[in-house]
Amino acid sequence: MSPARLAMVSVLQYAENLTDRQAAEAVRCRLDWKYCLGLELDDSGFDHSVLSEFRDRMAQEDRADRLLAVMVDQLVAAGLVKRRGAVRTDSTHVLAAVRKLNRAELVTETLRAALEQVALADEQWLAPLITADWADRYGRPAIYHRLPKGKAALEEYALQVGADGMRLLRAVFSDQAPPRLRGLPQVEILRRVWVQQY
């Protein structure tokens, strides 16, 4: 693979906190990664050891710094960042944003994990419960760029996730649901997180 693609794989790997083996598997299997890397659907990927070799090469001399400089130049040329702009020294706004983001990711990922486990346990029971927009919200991991921007939009999103979770919990704990679904670990985690957050 080209160094540019390996650099992108490293960024995606860091963003999703994956091991080298998991990142290599994602390149092989995940459509979103193939799309991001510009790979054909039948591309077989690479051995996971390539990533550690790439990191070793990047650590030599000042290659990582040069790569970062090229990336910053490209971002400046595209108008996405300003060179030597004003930097805030107060971190309060950053901490507040991280806290909100973590809560939004927490509830989304908790519901997504519960949905996956319920689907594995009884997909036919779950199917009528799912609405069309659930695939958009819970089909992939909650990553920052996929969450709504702005306080009002993020709050509305979190309330929608809360309502979706309540709908799943009510259905799982109803008399019509198979009893084994109540005992699933991710359903119990969902119940506890919803008690805390909603």
Protein backbone atom coordinates (compact mmCIF):
# COMPACT_ATOMS: atom_id res chain seq x y z
CA MET A 1 0.00 0.00 0.00
CA SER A 2 1.08 3.56 -0.55
CA PRO A 3 2.39 5.56 2.43
CA ALA A 4 -0.57 7.94 2.08
CA ARG A 5 -3.03 5.05 2.45
CA LEU A 6 -1.11 3.60 5.38
CA ALA A 7 -1.14 7.02 7.03
CA MET A 8 -4.93 7.15 6.55
CA VAL A 9 -5.27 3.64 7.98
CA SER A 10 -3.23 4.81 11.00
CA VAL A 11 -5.58 7.77 11.49
CA LEU A 12 -8.67 5.53 11.25
CA GLN A 13 -7.04 3.01 13.57
CA TYR A 14 -6.37 5.72 16.15
CA ALA A 15 -9.88 7.20 15.80
CA GLU A 16 -11.50 3.83 16.50
CA ASN A 17 -8.87 2.64 19.02
CA LEU A 18 -8.10 -0.58 17.12
CA THR A 19 -5.16 -2.96 17.34
CA ASP A 20 -3.05 -3.58 14.23
CA ARG A 21 -4.88 -6.86 13.60
CA GLN A 22 -8.29 -5.18 13.95
CA ALA A 23 -7.27 -2.33 11.63
CA ALA A 24 -6.00 -4.77 8.98
CA GLU A 25 -9.27 -6.70 9.31
CA ALA A 26 -11.26 -3.45 8.91
CA VAL A 27 -9.37 -2.70 5.68
CA ARG A 28 -10.25 -6.19 4.45
CA CYS A 29 -13.91 -6.25 5.48
CA ARG A 30 -15.44 -2.82 6.15
CA LEU A 31 -17.01 -0.92 3.27
CA ASP A 32 -16.61 2.47 4.94
CA TRP A 33 -12.85 1.92 5.30
CA LYS A 34 -12.52 0.69 1.69
CA TYR A 35 -14.40 3.78 0.51
CA CYS A 36 -12.27 6.12 2.62
CA LEU A 37 -9.07 4.50 1.34
CA GLY A 38 -10.24 4.41 -2.28
CA LEU A 39 -9.96 0.61 -2.48
CA GLU A 40 -11.89 -1.78 -4.68
CA LEU A 41 -14.52 -3.89 -2.91
CA ASP A 42 -12.56 -7.10 -3.56
CA ASP A 43 -9.25 -5.69 -2.27
CA SER A 44 -7.74 -8.26 0.08
CA GLY A 45 -5.94 -5.72 2.27
CA PHE A 46 -2.58 -6.43 3.89
CA ASP A 47 -0.94 -8.28 6.76
CA HIS A 48 -1.23 -6.49 10.12
CA SER A 49 2.57 -6.39 10.50
CA VAL A 50 2.70 -3.77 7.73
CA LEU A 51 1.33 -1.17 10.19
CA SER A 52 4.13 -1.61 12.73
CA GLU A 53 6.71 -1.51 9.93
CA PHE A 54 5.11 1.70 8.66
CA ARG A 55 5.26 3.26 12.14
CA ASP A 56 8.93 2.26 12.43
CA ARG A 57 9.70 3.96 9.13
CA MET A 58 7.76 7.07 10.16
CA ALA A 59 9.78 7.27 13.40
CA GLN A 60 13.05 7.53 11.49
CA GLU A 61 14.59 10.99 11.09
CA ASP A 62 11.79 13.58 10.84
CA ARG A 63 9.40 11.77 8.50
CA ALA A 64 6.36 12.14 10.78
CA ASP A 65 6.95 15.89 11.10
CA ARG A 66 7.31 16.24 7.33
CA LEU A 67 4.08 14.30 6.78
CA LEU A 68 2.26 16.53 9.27
CA ALA A 69 3.62 19.65 7.54
CA VAL A 70 2.34 18.41 4.15
CA MET A 71 -1.08 17.67 5.68
CA VAL A 72 -1.28 21.13 7.28
CA ASP A 73 -0.30 22.78 3.97
CA GLN A 74 -3.10 20.86 2.20
CA LEU A 75 -5.64 21.82 4.87
CA VAL A 76 -4.60 25.48 4.65
CA ALA A 77 -4.83 25.40 0.83
CA ALA A 78 -8.34 23.94 1.12
CA GLY A 79 -9.32 26.71 3.56
CA LEU A 80 -10.08 24.27 6.37
CA VAL A 81 -7.56 25.70 8.85
CA LYS A 82 -5.68 28.96 9.23
CA ARG A 83 -1.95 29.04 9.52
CA ARG A 84 -0.82 30.51 12.85
CA GLY A 85 -4.31 31.48 13.94
CA ALA A 86 -5.24 32.63 17.43
CA VAL A 87 -5.04 29.90 20.06
CA ARG A 88 -7.24 29.86 23.15
CA THR A 89 -5.58 29.13 26.45
CA ASP A 90 -8.80 28.50 28.40
CA SER A 91 -9.72 24.82 28.17
CA THR A 92 -13.17 25.11 29.79
CA HIS A 93 -14.99 25.10 26.44
CA VAL A 94 -12.99 22.05 25.32
CA LEU A 95 -13.78 20.10 28.50
CA ALA A 96 -17.47 20.96 28.23
CA ALA A 97 -17.56 19.82 24.60
CA VAL A 98 -15.79 16.55 25.47
CA ARG A 99 -18.24 15.84 28.29
CA LYS A 100 -21.25 16.38 26.00
CA LEU A 101 -19.64 14.31 23.28
CA ASN A 102 -18.84 11.46 25.66
CA ARG A 103 -22.45 11.33 26.87
CA ALA A 104 -23.81 11.31 23.30
CA GLU A 105 -21.36 8.58 22.30
CA LEU A 106 -22.08 6.61 25.49
CA VAL A 107 -25.82 6.38 24.95
CA THR A 108 -25.51 5.75 21.21
CA GLU A 109 -22.92 3.00 21.61
CA THR A 110 -24.83 1.42 24.50
CA LEU A 111 -28.00 1.20 22.43
CA ARG A 112 -26.09 -0.02 19.37
CA ALA A 113 -24.47 -2.82 21.39
CA ALA A 114 -27.84 -3.87 22.82
CA LEU A 115 -29.44 -3.88 19.36
CA GLU A 116 -26.63 -6.05 17.98
CA GLN A 117 -26.96 -8.57 20.80
CA VAL A 118 -30.75 -8.71 20.56
CA ALA A 119 -30.48 -9.16 16.78
CA LEU A 120 -28.11 -12.08 17.26
CA ALA A 121 -30.43 -13.64 19.84
CA ASP A 122 -33.71 -13.19 17.94
CA GLU A 123 -33.59 -11.20 14.72
CA GLN A 124 -37.18 -12.02 13.76
CA TRP A 125 -38.52 -10.62 17.03
CA LEU A 126 -36.48 -7.42 16.66
CA ALA A 127 -37.25 -6.72 12.98
CA PRO A 128 -40.75 -5.19 13.40
CA LEU A 129 -39.45 -2.92 16.17
CA ILE A 130 -36.76 -1.28 14.01
CA THR A 131 -37.63 1.92 12.15
CA ALA A 132 -35.96 3.05 8.93
CA ASP A 133 -33.86 5.76 10.59
CA TRP A 134 -32.35 3.36 13.17
CA ALA A 135 -29.89 2.02 10.59
CA ASP A 136 -28.56 5.56 10.16
CA ARG A 137 -28.14 6.16 13.88
CA TYR A 138 -26.98 2.73 15.03
CA GLY A 139 -25.64 0.98 11.94
CA ARG A 140 -22.04 2.03 12.63
CA PRO A 141 -20.05 3.17 15.67
CA ALA A 142 -20.77 6.69 16.88
CA ILE A 143 -17.83 8.76 15.74
CA TYR A 144 -17.53 12.47 16.41
CA HIS A 145 -18.01 13.64 12.83
CA ARG A 146 -21.27 11.68 12.57
CA LEU A 147 -22.86 13.30 15.63
CA PRO A 148 -24.89 16.49 15.14
CA LYS A 149 -23.11 19.81 15.53
CA GLY A 150 -24.40 22.50 17.87
CA LYS A 151 -25.90 22.32 21.34
CA ALA A 152 -29.56 22.19 20.28
CA ALA A 153 -29.01 19.55 17.59
CA LEU A 154 -26.91 17.38 19.90
CA GLU A 155 -29.55 17.62 22.64
CA GLU A 156 -32.31 16.67 20.20
CA TYR A 157 -30.21 13.73 19.00
CA ALA A 158 -29.60 12.52 22.57
CA LEU A 159 -33.34 12.72 23.33
CA GLN A 160 -34.11 10.70 20.19
CA VAL A 161 -31.58 8.04 21.21
CA GLY A 162 -33.21 8.02 24.66
CA ALA A 163 -36.66 7.48 23.14
CA ASP A 164 -35.33 4.69 20.90
CA GLY A 165 -33.71 2.99 23.89
CA MET A 166 -36.90 3.25 25.92
CA ARG A 167 -38.82 1.71 23.03
CA LEU A 168 -36.41 -1.24 22.95
CA LEU A 169 -36.47 -1.66 26.74
CA ARG A 170 -40.29 -1.58 26.90
CA ALA A 171 -40.48 -4.19 24.15
CA VAL A 172 -37.85 -6.46 25.72
CA PHE A 173 -39.49 -6.31 29.15
CA SER A 174 -43.04 -6.78 27.82
CA ASP A 175 -44.90 -10.08 28.31
CA GLN A 176 -44.80 -10.73 24.55
CA ALA A 177 -40.99 -10.74 24.38
CA PRO A 178 -38.99 -13.97 24.67
CA PRO A 179 -37.77 -14.13 28.31
CA ARG A 180 -34.19 -14.92 27.27
CA LEU A 181 -33.82 -11.38 25.84
CA ARG A 182 -34.15 -9.86 29.33
CA GLY A 183 -31.07 -11.79 30.46
CA LEU A 184 -28.77 -10.55 27.71
CA PRO A 185 -25.79 -8.65 29.21
CA GLN A 186 -26.06 -5.71 26.80
CA VAL A 187 -29.77 -5.28 27.57
CA GLU A 188 -28.95 -5.05 31.29
CA ILE A 189 -26.21 -2.50 30.54
CA LEU A 190 -28.69 -0.53 28.43
CA ARG A 191 -31.19 -0.53 31.28
CA ARG A 192 -28.57 0.72 33.78
CA VAL A 193 -27.23 3.43 31.47
CA TRP A 194 -30.76 4.65 30.72
CA VAL A 195 -31.49 4.85 34.46
CA GLN A 196 -28.36 7.01 34.86
CA GLN A 197 -28.74 9.18 31.78
CA TYR A 198 -32.49 9.52 31.26
